[in-house]
C-alpha atoms as a PDB file:
ATOM      1  CA  MET A   1       6.426   1.316   9.515  1.00  0.00           C
ATOM      2  CA  SER A   2       7.405  -2.368   9.429  1.00  0.00           C
ATOM      3  CA  GLU A   3       6.850  -4.390  12.568  1.00  0.00           C
ATOM      4  CA  MET A   4       9.954  -5.492  14.397  1.00  0.00           C
ATOM      5  CA  SER A   5      10.543  -7.532  17.522  1.00  0.00           C
ATOM      6  CA  ILE A   6      12.798  -6.982  20.543  1.00  0.00           C
ATOM      7  CA  ASN A   7      14.544  -9.309  22.975  1.00  0.00           C
ATOM      8  CA  LEU A   8      15.521  -7.945  26.401  1.00  0.00           C
ATOM      9  CA  LEU A   9      18.403  -9.860  27.945  1.00  0.00           C
ATOM     10  CA  PHE A  10      18.781  -9.799  31.730  1.00  0.00           C
ATOM     11  CA  PRO A  11      22.115 -11.269  32.903  1.00  0.00           C
ATOM     12  CA  VAL A  12      21.681 -12.276  36.578  1.00  0.00           C
ATOM     13  CA  LEU A  13      23.761 -13.797  39.364  1.00  0.00           C
ATOM     14  CA  ASN A  14      22.237 -14.447  42.794  1.00  0.00           C
ATOM     15  CA  GLU A  15      19.449 -11.916  42.211  1.00  0.00           C
ATOM     16  CA  ARG A  16      16.713 -13.454  44.400  1.00  0.00           C
ATOM     17  CA  LEU A  17      15.986 -10.005  45.877  1.00  0.00           C
ATOM     18  CA  ARG A  18      15.549  -8.188  42.578  1.00  0.00           C
ATOM     19  CA  LEU A  19      14.664 -10.694  39.865  1.00  0.00           C
ATOM     20  CA  ARG A  20      10.906 -10.912  40.354  1.00  0.00           C
ATOM     21  CA  ASN A  21      10.469  -7.152  40.736  1.00  0.00           C
ATOM     22  CA  GLY A  22      12.690  -6.416  37.694  1.00  0.00           C
ATOM     23  CA  ILE A  23      10.769  -8.793  35.392  1.00  0.00           C
ATOM     24  CA  GLU A  24       7.297  -7.837  36.704  1.00  0.00           C
ATOM     25  CA  LYS A  25       8.009  -4.109  36.290  1.00  0.00           C
ATOM     26  CA  SER A  26       9.432  -4.631  32.790  1.00  0.00           C
ATOM     27  CA  MET A  27       6.410  -6.729  31.764  1.00  0.00           C
ATOM     28  CA  GLU A  28       4.030  -4.107  33.105  1.00  0.00           C
ATOM     29  CA  TYR A  29       5.841  -1.368  31.155  1.00  0.00           C
ATOM     30  CA  LEU A  30       5.965  -3.417  27.939  1.00  0.00           C
ATOM     31  CA  LYS A  31       2.265  -4.366  28.122  1.00  0.00           C
ATOM     32  CA  GLN A  32       1.240  -0.742  28.555  1.00  0.00           C
ATOM     33  CA  ASN A  33       3.679   1.016  26.227  1.00  0.00           C
ATOM     34  CA  VAL A  34       5.065  -1.334  23.588  1.00  0.00           C
ATOM     35  CA  THR A  35       3.096  -2.517  20.563  1.00  0.00           C
ATOM     36  CA  ILE A  36       5.754  -4.677  18.860  1.00  0.00           C
ATOM     37  CA  PRO A  37       6.372  -8.347  19.830  1.00  0.00           C
ATOM     38  CA  TYR A  38       8.838  -8.657  22.734  1.00  0.00           C
ATOM     39  CA  LYS A  39      10.737 -11.342  24.630  1.00  0.00           C
ATOM     40  CA  LEU A  40      12.524 -11.240  27.966  1.00  0.00           C
ATOM     41  CA  THR A  41      15.412 -13.637  28.471  1.00  0.00           C
ATOM     42  CA  ILE A  42      16.797 -14.225  31.973  1.00  0.00           C
ATOM     43  CA  LEU A  43      20.404 -15.411  31.630  1.00  0.00           C
ATOM     44  CA  ASP A  44      21.494 -16.984  34.904  1.00  0.00           C
ATOM     45  CA  ASN A  45      25.267 -16.989  35.360  1.00  0.00           C
ATOM     46  CA  GLY A  46      25.382 -19.843  37.877  1.00  0.00           C
ATOM     47  CA  SER A  47      23.357 -18.520  40.819  1.00  0.00           C
ATOM     48  CA  ASP A  48      23.441 -20.577  43.996  1.00  0.00           C
ATOM     49  CA  ASP A  49      20.540 -18.821  45.739  1.00  0.00           C
ATOM     50  CA  GLU A  50      16.829 -19.003  44.825  1.00  0.00           C
ATOM     51  CA  THR A  51      17.301 -17.212  41.488  1.00  0.00           C
ATOM     52  CA  PRO A  52      16.719 -20.436  39.423  1.00  0.00           C
ATOM     53  CA  GLU A  53      13.399 -21.152  41.196  1.00  0.00           C
ATOM     54  CA  ILE A  54      12.189 -17.562  40.721  1.00  0.00           C
ATOM     55  CA  GLY A  55      13.362 -17.555  37.078  1.00  0.00           C
ATOM     56  CA  THR A  56      11.505 -20.798  36.359  1.00  0.00           C
ATOM     57  CA  GLU A  57       8.345 -19.461  38.057  1.00  0.00           C
ATOM     58  CA  LEU A  58       8.476 -16.288  35.926  1.00  0.00           C
ATOM     59  CA  GLU A  59       8.954 -18.350  32.765  1.00  0.00           C
ATOM     60  CA  LYS A  60       5.787 -20.314  33.633  1.00  0.00           C
ATOM     61  CA  LYS A  61       3.854 -17.149  34.492  1.00  0.00           C
ATOM     62  CA  TYR A  62       4.643 -15.191  31.290  1.00  0.00           C
ATOM     63  CA  GLN A  63       4.856 -16.704  27.822  1.00  0.00           C
ATOM     64  CA  GLU A  64       7.224 -13.883  26.786  1.00  0.00           C
ATOM     65  CA  VAL A  65       9.785 -14.799  29.495  1.00  0.00           C
ATOM     66  CA  SER A  66      12.495 -17.466  29.080  1.00  0.00           C
ATOM     67  CA  TYR A  67      14.848 -18.621  31.816  1.00  0.00           C
ATOM     68  CA  VAL A  68      18.253 -19.826  30.593  1.00  0.00           C
ATOM     69  CA  ARG A  69      20.920 -21.330  32.824  1.00  0.00           C
ATOM     70  CA  VAL A  70      24.348 -20.226  31.533  1.00  0.00           C
ATOM     71  CA  GLY A  71      27.199 -22.528  32.575  1.00  0.00           C
ATOM     72  CA  GLU A  72      29.765 -19.871  33.478  1.00  0.00           C
ATOM     73  CA  ARG A  73      29.790 -16.664  35.484  1.00  0.00           C
ATOM     74  CA  GLY A  74      30.127 -13.197  33.961  1.00  0.00           C
ATOM     75  CA  VAL A  75      28.059 -10.623  32.092  1.00  0.00           C
ATOM     76  CA  GLY A  76      30.115 -11.184  28.931  1.00  0.00           C
ATOM     77  CA  VAL A  77      29.291 -14.852  28.644  1.00  0.00           C
ATOM     78  CA  ALA A  78      25.595 -14.173  29.361  1.00  0.00           C
ATOM     79  CA  PHE A  79      25.430 -11.401  26.744  1.00  0.00           C
ATOM     80  CA  ARG A  80      27.073 -13.682  24.127  1.00  0.00           C
ATOM     81  CA  LYS A  81      24.713 -16.542  24.945  1.00  0.00           C
ATOM     82  CA  GLY A  82      21.700 -14.227  24.704  1.00  0.00           C
ATOM     83  CA  ILE A  83      22.762 -12.995  21.260  1.00  0.00           C
ATOM     84  CA  GLU A  84      23.412 -16.574  20.121  1.00  0.00           C
ATOM     85  CA  LEU A  85      19.875 -17.642  21.179  1.00  0.00           C
ATOM     86  CA  ASN A  86      18.176 -14.464  19.955  1.00  0.00           C
ATOM     87  CA  GLU A  87      15.659 -14.529  17.086  1.00  0.00           C
ATOM     88  CA  CYS A  88      14.336 -10.960  17.402  1.00  0.00           C
ATOM     89  CA  ASP A  89      15.268  -7.994  15.167  1.00  0.00           C
ATOM     90  CA  ILE A  90      16.568  -5.975  18.133  1.00  0.00           C
ATOM     91  CA  VAL A  91      18.534  -7.467  21.012  1.00  0.00           C
ATOM     92  CA  GLY A  92      20.077  -5.845  24.052  1.00  0.00           C
ATOM     93  CA  TYR A  93      20.623  -6.107  27.744  1.00  0.00           C
ATOM     94  CA  MET A  94      19.423  -4.231  30.793  1.00  0.00           C
ATOM     95  CA  ASP A  95      20.370  -4.489  34.434  1.00  0.00           C
ATOM     96  CA  ILE A  96      17.751  -6.355  36.462  1.00  0.00           C
ATOM     97  CA  ASP A  97      17.729  -3.521  39.045  1.00  0.00           C
ATOM     98  CA  LEU A  98      16.317  -1.292  36.252  1.00  0.00           C
ATOM     99  CA  SER A  99      18.795   1.495  37.112  1.00  0.00           C
ATOM    100  CA  THR A 100      17.982   3.014  33.705  1.00  0.00           C
ATOM    101  CA  ASP A 101      14.410   4.314  33.609  1.00  0.00           C
ATOM    102  CA  LEU A 102      12.196   1.976  31.535  1.00  0.00           C
ATOM    103  CA  LYS A 103      10.849   4.840  29.428  1.00  0.00           C
ATOM    104  CA  TYR A 104      14.143   4.717  27.469  1.00  0.00           C
ATOM    105  CA  LEU A 105      13.149   1.298  26.231  1.00  0.00           C
ATOM    106  CA  GLY A 106      10.192   2.843  24.415  1.00  0.00           C
ATOM    107  CA  LYS A 107      12.434   5.571  23.057  1.00  0.00           C
ATOM    108  CA  THR A 108      14.971   2.963  21.837  1.00  0.00           C
ATOM    109  CA  ILE A 109      12.296   0.960  19.976  1.00  0.00           C
ATOM    110  CA  GLU A 110      10.976   4.132  18.350  1.00  0.00           C
ATOM    111  CA  MET A 111      14.471   5.111  17.177  1.00  0.00           C
ATOM    112  CA  PHE A 112      15.142   1.699  15.621  1.00  0.00           C
ATOM    113  CA  GLN A 113      11.765   1.874  13.850  1.00  0.00           C
ATOM    114  CA  ASN A 114      12.280   5.391  12.501  1.00  0.00           C
ATOM    115  CA  GLU A 115      15.993   5.267  11.678  1.00  0.00           C
ATOM    116  CA  PRO A 116      16.854   2.261   9.481  1.00  0.00           C
ATOM    117  CA  GLU A 117      20.556   3.175   9.452  1.00  0.00           C
ATOM    118  CA  LEU A 118      20.809   3.103  13.278  1.00  0.00           C
ATOM    119  CA  GLN A 119      22.636  -0.034  14.463  1.00  0.00           C
ATOM    120  CA  TYR A 120      23.452   0.518  18.128  1.00  0.00           C
ATOM    121  CA  VAL A 121      21.938   2.387  21.101  1.00  0.00           C
ATOM    122  CA  ASN A 122      24.333   2.958  23.994  1.00  0.00           C
ATOM    123  CA  GLY A 123      22.845   4.273  27.253  1.00  0.00           C
ATOM    124  CA  SER A 124      24.949   6.941  28.953  1.00  0.00           C
ATOM    125  CA  ARG A 125      25.070   8.251  32.521  1.00  0.00           C
ATOM    126  CA  PHE A 126      27.674  10.891  31.652  1.00  0.00           C
ATOM    127  CA  SER A 127      26.155  12.738  28.721  1.00  0.00           C
ATOM    128  CA  LYS A 128      25.403  16.411  29.484  1.00  0.00           C
ATOM    129  CA  GLU A 129      21.656  15.652  29.322  1.00  0.00           C
ATOM    130  CA  SER A 130      21.835  12.560  31.572  1.00  0.00           C
ATOM    131  CA  ASP A 131      20.352  12.592  35.067  1.00  0.00           C
ATOM    132  CA  THR A 132      22.117  10.321  37.548  1.00  0.00           C
ATOM    133  CA  LYS A 133      20.757   9.969  41.087  1.00  0.00           C
ATOM    134  CA  GLY A 134      22.197   8.443  44.254  1.00  0.00           C
ATOM    135  CA  ARG A 135      25.607   7.649  42.794  1.00  0.00           C
ATOM    136  CA  LYS A 136      28.248   7.194  45.491  1.00  0.00           C
ATOM    137  CA  TRP A 137      31.304   9.444  44.981  1.00  0.00           C
ATOM    138  CA  TYR A 138      33.825   6.590  44.785  1.00  0.00           C
ATOM    139  CA  ARG A 139      31.735   4.774  42.164  1.00  0.00           C
ATOM    140  CA  LYS A 140      31.444   7.982  40.183  1.00  0.00           C
ATOM    141  CA  ILE A 141      35.239   8.367  40.248  1.00  0.00           C
ATOM    142  CA  THR A 142      35.870   4.776  39.095  1.00  0.00           C
ATOM    143  CA  SER A 143      33.286   5.001  36.285  1.00  0.00           C
ATOM    144  CA  MET A 144      34.479   8.380  35.073  1.00  0.00           C
ATOM    145  CA  GLY A 145      38.089   7.226  35.405  1.00  0.00           C
ATOM    146  CA  LEU A 146      37.285   4.250  33.190  1.00  0.00           C
ATOM    147  CA  VAL A 147      35.652   6.503  30.562  1.00  0.00           C
ATOM    148  CA  PHE A 148      38.710   8.812  30.692  1.00  0.00           C
ATOM    149  CA  LEU A 149      41.018   5.816  30.127  1.00  0.00           C
ATOM    150  CA  LEU A 150      38.919   4.521  27.229  1.00  0.00           C
ATOM    151  CA  LYS A 151      38.885   7.943  25.590  1.00  0.00           C
ATOM    152  CA  THR A 152      42.668   8.314  26.074  1.00  0.00           C
ATOM    153  CA  VAL A 153      43.667   4.814  24.963  1.00  0.00           C
ATOM    154  CA  PHE A 154      41.026   4.048  22.298  1.00  0.00           C
ATOM    155  CA  HIS A 155      39.729   7.553  21.409  1.00  0.00           C
ATOM    156  CA  MET A 156      36.242   6.332  22.349  1.00  0.00           C
ATOM    157  CA  LYS A 157      33.529   8.693  21.093  1.00  0.00           C
ATOM    158  CA  ALA A 158      30.752   7.486  23.432  1.00  0.00           C
ATOM    159  CA  THR A 159      30.323   9.256  26.784  1.00  0.00           C
ATOM    160  CA  ASP A 160      29.785   6.017  28.778  1.00  0.00           C
ATOM    161  CA  ALA A 161      30.679   2.363  28.342  1.00  0.00           C
ATOM    162  CA  VAL A 162      29.037   0.458  31.216  1.00  0.00           C
ATOM    163  CA  CYS A 163      25.645   2.012  31.832  1.00  0.00           C
ATOM    164  CA  GLY A 164      23.889  -1.375  31.660  1.00  0.00           C
ATOM    165  CA  PHE A 165      21.578  -0.352  28.801  1.00  0.00           C
ATOM    166  CA  THR A 166      22.674  -1.489  25.326  1.00  0.00           C
ATOM    167  CA  PHE A 167      20.581  -2.428  22.271  1.00  0.00           C
ATOM    168  CA  LEU A 168      21.569  -3.463  18.739  1.00  0.00           C
ATOM    169  CA  ARG A 169      20.098  -4.770  15.523  1.00  0.00           C
ATOM    170  CA  LYS A 170      20.436  -8.555  15.304  1.00  0.00           C
ATOM    171  CA  ASP A 171      22.973  -8.579  12.450  1.00  0.00           C
ATOM    172  CA  ALA A 172      25.165  -5.918  14.130  1.00  0.00           C
ATOM    173  CA  ALA A 173      25.159  -7.876  17.412  1.00  0.00           C
ATOM    174  CA  GLU A 174      26.096 -11.135  15.654  1.00  0.00           C
ATOM    175  CA  ARG A 175      28.875  -9.435  13.711  1.00  0.00           C
ATOM    176  CA  LEU A 176      30.360  -7.991  16.927  1.00  0.00           C
ATOM    177  CA  VAL A 177      30.218 -11.377  18.685  1.00  0.00           C
ATOM    178  CA  ALA A 178      32.175 -12.874  15.781  1.00  0.00           C
ATOM    179  CA  GLU A 179      34.810 -10.105  16.042  1.00  0.00           C
ATOM    180  CA  SER A 180      35.124  -9.880  19.825  1.00  0.00           C
ATOM    181  CA  SER A 181      37.196 -11.835  22.326  1.00  0.00           C
ATOM    182  CA  ASN A 182      35.779 -14.431  24.716  1.00  0.00           C
ATOM    183  CA  ASP A 183      36.120 -12.294  27.838  1.00  0.00           C
ATOM    184  CA  ASN A 184      33.424 -13.389  30.286  1.00  0.00           C
ATOM    185  CA  GLY A 185      33.259 -10.280  32.449  1.00  0.00           C
ATOM    186  CA  TRP A 186      31.955  -6.723  32.197  1.00  0.00           C
ATOM    187  CA  PHE A 187      34.764  -5.700  29.889  1.00  0.00           C
ATOM    188  CA  TYR A 188      33.190  -7.726  27.090  1.00  0.00           C
ATOM    189  CA  THR A 189      30.408  -5.147  26.780  1.00  0.00           C
ATOM    190  CA  ILE A 190      33.026  -2.385  26.575  1.00  0.00           C
ATOM    191  CA  GLU A 191      34.899  -4.246  23.831  1.00  0.00           C
ATOM    192  CA  PHE A 192      31.571  -4.570  22.016  1.00  0.00           C
ATOM    193  CA  LEU A 193      31.119  -0.798  21.982  1.00  0.00           C
ATOM    194  CA  LEU A 194      34.732  -0.063  21.012  1.00  0.00           C
ATOM    195  CA  ARG A 195      34.563  -2.550  18.134  1.00  0.00           C
ATOM    196  CA  ALA A 196      31.265  -1.055  16.945  1.00  0.00           C
ATOM    197  CA  GLU A 197      32.974   2.352  16.826  1.00  0.00           C
ATOM    198  CA  ARG A 198      35.977   0.855  14.997  1.00  0.00           C
ATOM    199  CA  ASP A 199      33.625  -0.750  12.458  1.00  0.00           C
ATOM    200  CA  GLY A 200      31.983   2.618  11.818  1.00  0.00           C
ATOM    201  CA  MET A 201      28.549   1.451  13.017  1.00  0.00           C
ATOM    202  CA  VAL A 202      25.867   4.112  13.445  1.00  0.00           C
ATOM    203  CA  ILE A 203      25.662   4.466  17.230  1.00  0.00           C
ATOM    204  CA  TYR A 204      23.364   6.692  19.273  1.00  0.00           C
ATOM    205  CA  ASP A 205      24.820   7.724  22.631  1.00  0.00           C
ATOM    206  CA  MET A 206      21.566   7.985  24.597  1.00  0.00           C
ATOM    207  CA  PRO A 207      21.398  10.254  27.679  1.00  0.00           C
ATOM    208  CA  VAL A 208      19.370   8.451  30.362  1.00  0.00           C
ATOM    209  CA  GLU A 209      17.901   8.929  33.823  1.00  0.00           C
ATOM    210  CA  TRP A 210      19.830   6.500  36.000  1.00  0.00           C
ATOM    211  CA  GLN A 211      19.319   5.520  39.642  1.00  0.00           C
ATOM    212  CA  GLU A 212      22.141   3.914  41.654  1.00  0.00           C
ATOM    213  CA  ASP A 213      21.218   0.626  43.341  1.00  0.00           C
ATOM    214  CA  TYR A 214      22.800   0.288  46.774  1.00  0.00           C
ATOM    215  CA  ASN A 215      22.591  -3.512  46.848  1.00  0.00           C
ATOM    216  CA  THR A 216      24.989  -3.795  43.940  1.00  0.00           C
ATOM    217  CA  THR A 217      27.349  -6.774  43.923  1.00  0.00           C
ATOM    218  CA  VAL A 218      30.216  -5.073  42.013  1.00  0.00           C
ATOM    219  CA  LYS A 219      33.599  -5.236  43.805  1.00  0.00           C
ATOM    220  CA  ILE A 220      35.319  -1.913  43.060  1.00  0.00           C
ATOM    221  CA  TRP A 221      39.060  -2.705  43.338  1.00  0.00           C
ATOM    222  CA  LYS A 222      38.777  -6.084  41.683  1.00  0.00           C
ATOM    223  CA  THR A 223      36.837  -4.438  38.845  1.00  0.00           C
ATOM    224  CA  ILE A 224      39.438  -1.660  38.356  1.00  0.00           C
ATOM    225  CA  LYS A 225      42.285  -4.178  38.241  1.00  0.00           C
ATOM    226  CA  ASN A 226      40.370  -6.258  35.706  1.00  0.00           C
ATOM    227  CA  TYR A 227      39.647  -3.183  33.548  1.00  0.00           C
ATOM    228  CA  LEU A 228      43.339  -2.225  33.415  1.00  0.00           C
ATOM    229  CA  ILE A 229      44.378  -5.737  32.383  1.00  0.00           C
ATOM    230  CA  GLN A 230      41.631  -5.887  29.733  1.00  0.00           C
ATOM    231  CA  ILE A 231      42.443  -2.414  28.332  1.00  0.00           C
ATOM    232  CA  TYR A 232      46.058  -3.492  27.874  1.00  0.00           C
ATOM    233  CA  LYS A 233      45.007  -6.773  26.194  1.00  0.00           C
ATOM    234  CA  LEU A 234      42.514  -5.121  23.860  1.00  0.00           C
ATOM    235  CA  LYS A 235      44.960  -2.389  22.817  1.00  0.00           C
ATOM    236  CA  LYS A 236      47.428  -5.154  21.933  1.00  0.00           C
ATOM    237  CA  ALA A 237      44.742  -7.066  19.985  1.00  0.00           C
ATOM    238  CA  PHE A 238      43.752  -3.948  18.012  1.00  0.00           C
ATOM    239  CA  LYS A 239      47.428  -3.321  17.125  1.00  0.00           C
ATOM    240  CA  GLU A 240      47.784  -6.900  15.862  1.00  0.00           C
ATOM    241  CA  GLU A 241      44.588  -6.626  13.810  1.00  0.00           C
ATOM    242  CA  ASP A 242      45.728  -3.325  12.273  1.00  0.00           C
ATOM    243  CA  LYS A 243      49.067  -4.903  11.403  1.00  0.00           C
ATOM    244  CA  ASN A 244      47.345  -7.824   9.666  1.00  0.00           C
ATOM    245  CA  VAL A 245      45.059  -5.481   7.709  1.00  0.00           C
ATOM    246  CA  LYS A 246      48.100  -3.566   6.436  1.00  0.00           C
ATOM    247  CA  LYS A 247      49.790  -6.831   5.402  1.00  0.00           C
ATOM    248  CA  ASN A 248      46.752  -7.927   3.406  1.00  0.00           C
END
């Protein structure tokens, strides 16, 4: 089994309450359970609390941790920046609140090691085998509504699109960055998945144990509005691309 390396990207914005705990817990898990080389990259989307100080402290404390200040706000821009800076064989992002149980990180590494054709691991809260705890009803409705829309509009095969647990091989991630739009928000990660499906990448839809975090900073209505606009835009972009392929 050839040795590979993994880079965990943590996009953060004003996460002074969760950053230290998220990195410390991840480091503890990695030290005890992971034998391959690993890196943790904190991608700060323009925090104006103590996040930069904590990030810098963690970078000094652990040689595996890097703190990167990203100029703009949004998960999309952080994810892109992380992939651009990445030198590891596997790259992916996790939410700093560690909503997805860390044991799935070990499982993901094992799958990439044992299945050379696997290109993409997509964490899912809505697979039949998933176990989701503490999810508020209105958040469940918005998330499931989004999945329903994506399945209706794009015929998405995956059972979830924004679980906050996504890992890819380096070349697959770079290819998707080159193909995708420059959306800075959450929708960028959805476009990533939809494009991977369109490209026929080998994707594993991974059922996970997922714990809702009540201190979340997501604004529901603003997010829904943004999703609808982005779905419309992406559908239009796909139509254009299909048209151009037919022409050529």
